[in-house]
Amino acid sequence: MLEFLVLPAFWLYFYLVGLLPGRGRLTRRQAIVSVASLLILFLATGIRTTGFYLAVGLAIVLVGLWLQSAPESRRRRLVRGLAVAAVVALIALYLGFRVYFQKYFEGLPSLSYLGFRGIAFLVTASTAGGVTLASGFAEMFFLPMVFLGPIARVENFQEEHHDLVGVLKRLAMGLPMLIAAKLIEPYVLERLLDIGGVPVWKYWLGAVANSFQFYFTFAGYSHLVIGLGLLAGFRLPENFNNPYIARSIGDFWRRWHMSLSFWIRDYVYIPLGGNRRGLARKCVHLLVAMGVCGLWHGLELHYLLWGLWHGALLAIESVFKDRGWHPLERLLGAAYAPVKVVLIFGLVTFGWLLFKYPMPDFFAYMGGLIPWIAQRS
């Protein structure tokens, strides 16, 4: 269904949906946007998939509303814990048996994204309050963001925003990125175990192309989704901010898939203890949080290793910062900034190879990228 996001008819549909309630009628806008989204989902996937998706989202919203209204008690804490655990279990089942879910629920949107939004809704409802049935539905079911994010929170649907200039800006940014992703695609190497005789330079070019294809695809679609949100009257969270000019891994994660990295920070890293229990524990928390980030993409070893790779880099940066070590800055002087950008891009690019390829393909890629490794082995 991602192809819908580039269709003019899809944009016109949400523009008309945004006009229906009129300004200043927030609850009606939330309800109309939710119904309009579910209608498109029904037309695209059928009653079984829509019914399942609606049932999961409705259950999360109703539990959240109960948590908001119930007085603080042991029972309330138990229900919240069980609800969050049930959502986590659903995500794990979906990731572990995605083929079977897609077999019985054709075209099912990602339950990973739904689950993360659901956990955020449950926590907000039970701590900050102020949520409603209509705002919960808008968060759970606003169709444009259900496949690639951004991971909105209920706060994004509790105020109206109208910005046609912003809509045009998102179109002007998103569409060229998606075109660029298509143009780069031929340079990204696929099915590595089935090909041979590829020169070394194509592996290096493929690694760089892979990085930019990830960026242009995710950032391009994110811009389109944010633009559709503005058409419907809501401002969704920013998701990308020039991540490949980052000068540290921490800076990269403040720029890349920001709604995901901030979710991991708020609902995994900080509840674990964050940086409040000393440097060693902080490093462990970073590894755990980024491991969760990796597994959220799929219950496979290469996703976990990708997450742990970034967790390890974040931990190393934390140690250097805590000790006041800045060897590159002292050594390179004025050249430090551009060299650091290139270094961080290289580390991230290596990580994307882990992310993209299952382990046999990854080792095959590394053998082509650095042939002397394969020769020595």
Foldseek 3Di string as FASTA:
>chain_A
DLVLLPDPVSLVLLLVLQPVVPPPPQLVLLQSLLVSLLVVVCVVFNDVLSVVLVVVLLVLLVLLQCLLPDDDDPVSVVSLVVSLVVLVVVLQCCQVPVVVCCVRRPPRFRSLLLSLQSNLSSVCSNPVNPDDPSLSSSLNRNNLARHQDLSFYSVQSPAFAADVVLLVVLLVQQPVLQVVLVVLVVLADDPLVPDDDDAQVSLVSNLLSLVSSVVSVNQSSQSSSQSSCNSSGTGGDHQADPLLLDLALVSSCCGHRVSLSVSLVPPQLVVQPACPPDLVSNLVSLQVSLLVVQCSVHPADLSSVLSNLSSNRVSVVSVCVVVVNDVLCVVPPPCSSVVSSVVVNVSVSLSSLSSPDHPVSSVSSVCSNPVVVVVVD
